[in-house]
């Protein structure tokens, strides 16, 4: 394998950057929508180019609009203006559905179409990408499979339960050391895919006390992270996808490889929606 470019990504690394499961990538390969640039003849290992990430995200976004794979393939072969007309049809269908679906359709229309004279340009927000070294951290954790509509009830309820438990046992590292509680997305979370999602609350030390139901203790390893900071207002679906894409793009530009699954870590005050509230982070090798 020494003759392969160092920039190629394994299916695991490509999965983390594109936020698509290996199962989804194999499905897209079977359909001819997204082929690996190299498959090792002996091991069967698949390798992808960083340049394929944008295409992968496009396919995934279209799937969230319930577009069949065959129609996605046909759409991607159309010229830009025809793509926009086809997507406008889906936007009209979304008008009769809930606001989140309409917002996602609008995001897809802006996201996958190249800029040109045939359509108005759109300026996407600029995100400041920073780097930090995080220490190993003992965490109280609970993992669930959830669709995106279930996150608003599961995340704050689990956080409050864990915080109360940690405070009752004098183990609350969020209060003691300002450690951030965080949510790890081990797979895509949308209207069709359900993660899983893991809530992690930092502790100051181990405990022999009975844990909350369905919870466990583990140590999150020390890690280097690339991240961007969002306000509570910016932390809305599907707009926050732009922040994830910005950090993933920074990884590609710097030649870095994701080492662990992406996460959101929280430190702000929910009563101040315009103030820094959350980090979108990718741990890197």
Foldseek 3Di string as FASTA:
>chain_A
DVVDDPQKDWLVLLCQLLLADSVVVVVCCVVVQDNAPDADPPPRTGIHHPVCSLSSNLQVLVVLLVDDPVVVVVLVPDAQVVNLVVLVVSLVVCVVPDPLSNVSSVCSSLRNGDDDPSDDHDDADDWDKDKDKFAKFKWKKAKDFAAPVCVVPPQVVVVVVRQVVQVVVVWQCCVVPVDWWKKFFQHDHHRPGGGTIMTIGTTNDDDPDDDPPRIDIDMDHIFMKIKTWAFQVCPDPPNCVVRSNNSSVVCSVVSWTFDGHWMKTFRDDPVDRHDTTIMTITTTD
